[in-house]
């Protein structure tokens, strides 16, 4: 079993990653500005951090980043992880940089909400920077267009760079099923230095 540091462990996604990691027998260091939401129990250590530092990551087998791209840059994550000596980095990505049609990303489409563009643009730049990264074994895991609370079905599809759309026309994934796919990828290590996506 592995020792995992989760950045943003108290959010909607980070908390699900924490639960799924524990379910599989891993131990977790939960990193967040406010750790009061982290339940004290076996297998979890909570550490309050205002800024990510290598000393908080050293000794882990992997780092999961579940924080918003508007809160951190690629450098804010990659540099401390690199200095810590941890090689495996997994990022909770966004759907905006997926391709909805050949040559057209989701956020390039007419009518994409302006309110989401700052976060999506920074997320796309984060992915581009990761693709130039040679020192880390990274994986960027994009959800589908709708990333929401919902059932834990354990049934989903994986893709690479194209937005996944269900037969009914909806593109979505629940936080819980996303966490399953995320941990599956961590444990298998199939998509090193790649972006993948998950959806129904």
Protein backbone atom coordinates (compact mmCIF):
# COMPACT_ATOMS: atom_id res chain seq x y z
CA UNK A 1 0.00 0.00 0.00
CA UNK A 2 1.11 3.56 -0.68
CA UNK A 3 1.49 6.78 1.24
CA UNK A 4 -0.33 9.58 -0.62
CA UNK A 5 -0.34 13.34 -0.07
CA UNK A 6 -3.57 15.01 -1.24
CA UNK A 7 -3.49 18.76 -1.88
CA UNK A 8 -6.95 20.21 -1.38
CA UNK A 9 -8.16 17.18 0.56
CA UNK A 10 -11.24 18.91 2.00
CA UNK A 11 -12.93 19.90 -1.28
CA UNK A 12 -15.61 18.05 -3.22
CA UNK A 13 -13.08 16.05 -5.21
CA UNK A 14 -10.21 15.86 -2.74
CA UNK A 15 -12.45 14.46 -0.01
CA UNK A 16 -13.63 11.70 -2.38
CA UNK A 17 -10.06 10.88 -3.34
CA UNK A 18 -9.20 10.63 0.35
CA UNK A 19 -12.10 8.24 1.01
CA UNK A 20 -11.31 6.07 -2.00
CA UNK A 21 -7.62 5.88 -1.08
CA UNK A 22 -8.51 4.78 2.46
CA UNK A 23 -11.01 2.25 1.12
CA UNK A 24 -8.14 0.64 -0.78
CA UNK A 25 -5.80 0.54 2.19
CA UNK A 26 -3.54 3.47 1.37
CA UNK A 27 -2.50 6.02 3.99
CA UNK A 28 -3.15 9.70 3.34
CA UNK A 29 -1.66 13.02 4.36
CA UNK A 30 -4.47 15.54 3.90
CA UNK A 31 -3.09 18.97 2.98
CA UNK A 32 -5.38 22.00 3.14
CA UNK A 33 -5.48 25.56 4.43
CA UNK A 34 -8.17 24.55 6.92
CA UNK A 35 -8.03 20.93 8.07
CA UNK A 36 -10.95 21.17 10.50
CA UNK A 37 -13.08 19.16 8.05
CA UNK A 38 -10.65 16.24 8.06
CA UNK A 39 -12.01 13.49 10.29
CA UNK A 40 -9.43 12.11 12.75
CA UNK A 41 -9.02 8.37 12.12
CA UNK A 42 -6.50 5.68 11.35
CA UNK A 43 -4.67 6.13 8.08
CA UNK A 44 -5.07 9.91 7.86
CA UNK A 45 -2.74 12.70 8.94
CA UNK A 46 -3.98 16.27 8.47
CA UNK A 47 -1.52 19.10 7.81
CA UNK A 48 -2.55 22.73 7.49
CA UNK A 49 -0.56 24.47 4.74
CA UNK A 50 -0.90 27.94 3.24
CA UNK A 51 1.61 27.22 0.49
CA UNK A 52 2.90 23.91 -0.77
CA UNK A 53 6.44 23.12 0.39
CA UNK A 54 8.68 20.17 -0.36
CA UNK A 55 9.02 19.23 3.32
CA UNK A 56 5.28 18.51 3.50
CA UNK A 57 5.58 16.07 0.58
CA UNK A 58 8.85 14.28 1.26
CA UNK A 59 8.49 10.59 2.06
CA UNK A 60 5.27 10.06 0.11
CA UNK A 61 4.83 7.67 -2.80
CA UNK A 62 2.57 10.04 -4.71
CA UNK A 63 1.03 13.49 -4.66
CA UNK A 64 -2.56 14.12 -5.77
CA UNK A 65 -3.49 17.73 -6.54
CA UNK A 66 -7.21 18.49 -6.18
CA UNK A 67 -7.01 22.25 -5.91
CA UNK A 68 -8.46 24.79 -8.34
CA UNK A 69 -6.16 26.01 -11.10
CA UNK A 70 -7.05 29.60 -10.27
CA UNK A 71 -5.46 29.05 -6.84
CA UNK A 72 -2.13 27.59 -8.00
CA UNK A 73 0.12 27.59 -11.03
CA UNK A 74 1.83 24.56 -12.51
CA UNK A 75 5.07 25.81 -10.94
CA UNK A 76 3.45 26.02 -7.50
CA UNK A 77 2.81 22.27 -7.68
CA UNK A 78 5.64 20.86 -9.80
CA UNK A 79 8.56 22.63 -8.11
CA UNK A 80 7.77 21.48 -4.53
CA UNK A 81 6.97 17.95 -5.74
CA UNK A 82 10.26 17.80 -7.64
CA UNK A 83 12.25 19.09 -4.64
CA UNK A 84 10.53 16.56 -2.36
CA UNK A 85 11.83 13.60 -4.34
CA UNK A 86 8.33 12.26 -5.05
CA UNK A 87 8.07 11.05 -8.66
CA UNK A 88 4.34 10.31 -9.07
CA UNK A 89 2.06 13.32 -9.49
CA UNK A 90 -1.62 13.10 -10.36
CA UNK A 91 -3.73 16.14 -11.15
CA UNK A 92 -7.48 16.62 -10.97
CA UNK A 93 -7.95 18.30 -14.34
CA UNK A 94 -10.78 20.11 -16.05
CA UNK A 95 -13.01 19.30 -19.00
CA UNK A 96 -12.55 22.61 -20.83
CA UNK A 97 -9.34 21.59 -22.59
CA UNK A 98 -10.85 18.35 -23.93
CA UNK A 99 -11.77 18.26 -27.60
CA UNK A 100 -15.48 18.45 -28.41
CA UNK A 101 -14.76 18.21 -32.15
CA UNK A 102 -11.59 17.84 -34.24
CA UNK A 103 -9.37 20.82 -33.49
CA UNK A 104 -11.95 22.44 -31.22
CA UNK A 105 -11.64 22.34 -27.46
CA UNK A 106 -14.68 22.60 -25.24
CA UNK A 107 -13.82 26.16 -24.17
CA UNK A 108 -13.32 27.24 -27.78
CA UNK A 109 -16.95 26.55 -28.59
CA UNK A 110 -19.41 29.32 -29.20
CA UNK A 111 -21.48 29.96 -26.11
CA UNK A 112 -18.97 28.63 -23.58
CA UNK A 113 -19.74 30.61 -20.38
CA UNK A 114 -17.41 33.56 -19.84
CA UNK A 115 -17.50 32.97 -16.08
CA UNK A 116 -15.62 29.67 -16.47
CA UNK A 117 -13.02 30.86 -18.96
CA UNK A 118 -10.38 32.11 -16.47
CA UNK A 119 -10.25 28.78 -14.61
CA UNK A 120 -10.34 26.73 -17.81
CA UNK A 121 -7.66 28.82 -19.53
CA UNK A 122 -5.28 28.42 -16.59
CA UNK A 123 -6.04 24.69 -16.46
CA UNK A 124 -5.20 24.29 -20.14
CA UNK A 125 -1.92 26.14 -19.60
CA UNK A 126 -1.19 23.86 -16.64
CA UNK A 127 -1.63 20.79 -18.87
CA UNK A 128 0.56 22.29 -21.59
CA UNK A 129 3.30 22.92 -19.01
CA UNK A 130 3.03 19.37 -17.69
CA UNK A 131 3.53 18.03 -21.20
CA UNK A 132 6.96 19.69 -21.17
CA UNK A 133 7.79 18.19 -17.78
CA UNK A 134 10.37 15.38 -17.95
CA UNK A 135 11.25 14.69 -14.32
CA UNK A 136 7.89 13.53 -12.94
CA UNK A 137 5.61 10.61 -13.70
CA UNK A 138 2.47 12.73 -14.04
CA UNK A 139 -1.10 12.00 -15.08
CA UNK A 140 -3.77 14.67 -15.66
CA UNK A 141 -7.29 13.27 -15.16
CA UNK A 142 -10.06 15.34 -16.73
CA UNK A 143 -13.69 14.81 -15.72
CA UNK A 144 -16.58 15.14 -18.14
CA UNK A 145 -18.39 18.45 -18.72
CA UNK A 146 -20.64 18.02 -15.69
CA UNK A 147 -18.68 17.09 -12.56
CA UNK A 148 -21.23 16.66 -9.82
CA UNK A 149 -22.45 14.81 -6.75
CA UNK A 150 -24.11 11.59 -7.79
CA UNK A 151 -24.13 7.81 -7.49
CA UNK A 152 -21.13 5.57 -6.95
CA UNK A 153 -21.89 3.17 -9.80
CA UNK A 154 -18.36 1.86 -10.44
CA UNK A 155 -19.31 1.88 -14.14
CA UNK A 156 -17.72 4.49 -16.41
CA UNK A 157 -15.64 4.93 -19.53
CA UNK A 158 -12.11 6.24 -20.00
CA UNK A 159 -10.91 8.39 -22.86
CA UNK A 160 -7.82 10.39 -23.74
CA UNK A 161 -8.31 13.88 -25.18
CA UNK A 162 -11.90 13.81 -26.46
CA UNK A 163 -14.92 14.78 -24.36
CA UNK A 164 -16.95 11.70 -23.43
CA UNK A 165 -20.68 11.99 -24.10
CA UNK A 166 -23.28 9.43 -23.01
CA UNK A 167 -25.82 8.04 -25.51
CA UNK A 168 -28.43 10.44 -24.11
CA UNK A 169 -26.23 13.40 -25.04
CA UNK A 170 -25.12 14.22 -21.51
CA UNK A 171 -21.43 14.52 -20.62
CA UNK A 172 -21.03 13.88 -16.91
CA UNK A 173 -19.36 11.96 -14.10
CA UNK A 174 -20.00 11.82 -10.36
CA UNK A 175 -17.29 12.79 -7.89
CA UNK A 176 -17.33 9.26 -6.45
CA UNK A 177 -16.93 7.41 -9.75
CA UNK A 178 -14.25 9.88 -10.79
CA UNK A 179 -12.37 9.04 -7.59
CA UNK A 180 -12.55 5.34 -8.43
CA UNK A 181 -11.11 5.96 -11.90
CA UNK A 182 -8.43 8.22 -10.43
CA UNK A 183 -7.26 5.60 -7.93
CA UNK A 184 -7.45 2.89 -10.58
CA UNK A 185 -5.05 4.92 -12.69
CA UNK A 186 -2.76 5.57 -9.74
CA UNK A 187 -2.55 1.88 -8.93
CA UNK A 188 -2.11 0.72 -12.53
CA UNK A 189 0.18 3.49 -13.78
CA UNK A 190 -1.01 2.88 -17.33
CA UNK A 191 -1.11 6.52 -18.48
CA UNK A 192 2.18 8.03 -17.33
CA UNK A 193 2.87 11.48 -18.81
CA UNK A 194 -0.59 11.56 -20.36
CA UNK A 195 -4.00 13.18 -19.93
CA UNK A 196 -7.00 10.90 -19.61
CA UNK A 197 -10.68 11.58 -19.06
CA UNK A 198 -13.51 9.72 -17.37
CA UNK A 199 -17.26 9.83 -17.99
CA UNK A 200 -20.41 7.77 -18.42
